[in-house]
Amino acid sequence: MSVTPEMRELATEYLVEMMIEGRAEQQGVSPRELFGEFRRSRTMEALFDEGTGLWMNGPDYLSDEWDIELYGTWHAASR
């Protein structure tokens, strides 16, 4: 079965939702506030670039990628 653009988009949106909800809960901030920060990130841009394949990973992987962008390394505060 091949992945359609619609399937990839749904998977990507769900992945972002899961990652944002997890980080927001752990950091004690609102998901809306955190999403506002994430949507301006290079990680978000890479996520929607089909060539990166980032959308095929899980929410923890995505969170780690964002940590690397923000802090230069994985950051325990996002867990």
C-alpha atoms as a PDB file:
ATOM      1  CA  MET A   1       0.000   0.000   0.000  1.00  0.00           C
ATOM      2  CA  SER A   2       1.393   3.382  -0.930  1.00  0.00           C
ATOM      3  CA  VAL A   3       1.030   6.407   1.299  1.00  0.00           C
ATOM      4  CA  THR A   4      -1.120   9.115  -0.206  1.00  0.00           C
ATOM      5  CA  PRO A   5      -0.465  12.814   0.472  1.00  0.00           C
ATOM      6  CA  GLU A   6      -3.659  12.891   2.540  1.00  0.00           C
ATOM      7  CA  MET A   7      -2.469   9.978   4.687  1.00  0.00           C
ATOM      8  CA  ARG A   8       0.908  11.652   5.241  1.00  0.00           C
ATOM      9  CA  GLU A   9      -0.778  14.924   6.201  1.00  0.00           C
ATOM     10  CA  LEU A  10      -3.074  13.210   8.721  1.00  0.00           C
ATOM     11  CA  ALA A  11      -0.161  11.280  10.207  1.00  0.00           C
ATOM     12  CA  THR A  12       1.864  14.474  10.501  1.00  0.00           C
ATOM     13  CA  GLU A  13      -0.943  16.400  12.176  1.00  0.00           C
ATOM     14  CA  TYR A  14      -1.526  13.573  14.662  1.00  0.00           C
ATOM     15  CA  LEU A  15       2.198  13.344  15.377  1.00  0.00           C
ATOM     16  CA  VAL A  16       2.382  17.064  16.150  1.00  0.00           C
ATOM     17  CA  GLU A  17      -0.684  16.837  18.377  1.00  0.00           C
ATOM     18  CA  MET A  18       0.756  13.946  20.393  1.00  0.00           C
ATOM     19  CA  MET A  19       4.154  15.619  20.754  1.00  0.00           C
ATOM     20  CA  ILE A  20       2.694  18.997  21.776  1.00  0.00           C
ATOM     21  CA  GLU A  21       0.293  17.478  24.313  1.00  0.00           C
ATOM     22  CA  GLY A  22       3.079  15.442  25.914  1.00  0.00           C
ATOM     23  CA  ARG A  23       5.501  18.345  26.145  1.00  0.00           C
ATOM     24  CA  ALA A  24       2.831  20.758  27.375  1.00  0.00           C
ATOM     25  CA  GLU A  25       1.843  18.410  30.182  1.00  0.00           C
ATOM     26  CA  GLN A  26       5.448  17.825  31.228  1.00  0.00           C
ATOM     27  CA  GLN A  27       6.373  21.512  31.066  1.00  0.00           C
ATOM     28  CA  GLY A  28       3.163  22.776  32.656  1.00  0.00           C
ATOM     29  CA  VAL A  29       2.278  25.081  29.773  1.00  0.00           C
ATOM     30  CA  SER A  30      -0.748  25.245  27.521  1.00  0.00           C
ATOM     31  CA  PRO A  31      -0.660  23.176  24.320  1.00  0.00           C
ATOM     32  CA  ARG A  32      -1.778  26.257  22.384  1.00  0.00           C
ATOM     33  CA  GLU A  33       1.189  28.280  23.627  1.00  0.00           C
ATOM     34  CA  LEU A  34       3.614  25.470  22.861  1.00  0.00           C
ATOM     35  CA  PHE A  35       2.157  24.915  19.401  1.00  0.00           C
ATOM     36  CA  GLY A  36       2.636  28.609  18.680  1.00  0.00           C
ATOM     37  CA  GLU A  37       6.332  28.191  19.409  1.00  0.00           C
ATOM     38  CA  PHE A  38       6.615  24.935  17.471  1.00  0.00           C
ATOM     39  CA  ARG A  39       4.959  26.223  14.317  1.00  0.00           C
ATOM     40  CA  ARG A  40       7.709  28.839  13.981  1.00  0.00           C
ATOM     41  CA  SER A  41      10.495  26.261  14.322  1.00  0.00           C
ATOM     42  CA  ARG A  42      12.820  24.738  11.760  1.00  0.00           C
ATOM     43  CA  THR A  43      11.698  21.361  13.093  1.00  0.00           C
ATOM     44  CA  MET A  44       8.127  22.093  12.002  1.00  0.00           C
ATOM     45  CA  GLU A  45       9.392  23.137   8.592  1.00  0.00           C
ATOM     46  CA  ALA A  46      11.400  19.903   8.292  1.00  0.00           C
ATOM     47  CA  LEU A  47       8.403  17.868   9.424  1.00  0.00           C
ATOM     48  CA  PHE A  48       6.348  19.061   6.471  1.00  0.00           C
ATOM     49  CA  ASP A  49       9.234  18.566   4.031  1.00  0.00           C
ATOM     50  CA  GLU A  50       8.443  15.150   2.576  1.00  0.00           C
ATOM     51  CA  GLY A  51      12.098  14.527   1.779  1.00  0.00           C
ATOM     52  CA  THR A  52      13.183  14.495   5.433  1.00  0.00           C
ATOM     53  CA  GLY A  53      10.961  11.550   6.378  1.00  0.00           C
ATOM     54  CA  LEU A  54      10.572  13.148   9.808  1.00  0.00           C
ATOM     55  CA  TRP A  55       6.818  12.577   9.666  1.00  0.00           C
ATOM     56  CA  MET A  56       7.430   8.792   9.776  1.00  0.00           C
ATOM     57  CA  ASN A  57       8.834   8.899  13.322  1.00  0.00           C
ATOM     58  CA  GLY A  58       7.083   9.033  16.666  1.00  0.00           C
ATOM     59  CA  PRO A  59       6.299  11.961  18.959  1.00  0.00           C
ATOM     60  CA  ASP A  60       9.342  11.364  21.178  1.00  0.00           C
ATOM     61  CA  TYR A  61      11.651  11.471  18.178  1.00  0.00           C
ATOM     62  CA  LEU A  62      10.026  14.682  16.997  1.00  0.00           C
ATOM     63  CA  SER A  63      10.362  16.171  20.475  1.00  0.00           C
ATOM     64  CA  ASP A  64      14.052  15.231  20.537  1.00  0.00           C
ATOM     65  CA  GLU A  65      14.580  16.888  17.151  1.00  0.00           C
ATOM     66  CA  TRP A  66      12.989  20.070  18.458  1.00  0.00           C
ATOM     67  CA  ASP A  67      15.201  19.902  21.556  1.00  0.00           C
ATOM     68  CA  ILE A  68      18.251  19.700  19.333  1.00  0.00           C
ATOM     69  CA  GLU A  69      17.077  22.807  17.495  1.00  0.00           C
ATOM     70  CA  LEU A  70      16.334  24.691  20.731  1.00  0.00           C
ATOM     71  CA  TYR A  71      19.185  23.555  22.973  1.00  0.00           C
ATOM     72  CA  GLY A  72      21.750  21.916  20.698  1.00  0.00           C
ATOM     73  CA  THR A  73      21.107  18.561  22.358  1.00  0.00           C
ATOM     74  CA  TRP A  74      18.380  16.415  23.877  1.00  0.00           C
ATOM     75  CA  HIS A  75      16.893  18.249  26.866  1.00  0.00           C
ATOM     76  CA  ALA A  76      15.408  16.455  29.872  1.00  0.00           C
ATOM     77  CA  ALA A  77      12.975  19.307  30.619  1.00  0.00           C
ATOM     78  CA  SER A  78      10.899  18.381  27.590  1.00  0.00           C
ATOM     79  CA  ARG A  79      10.169  14.919  28.989  1.00  0.00           C
END
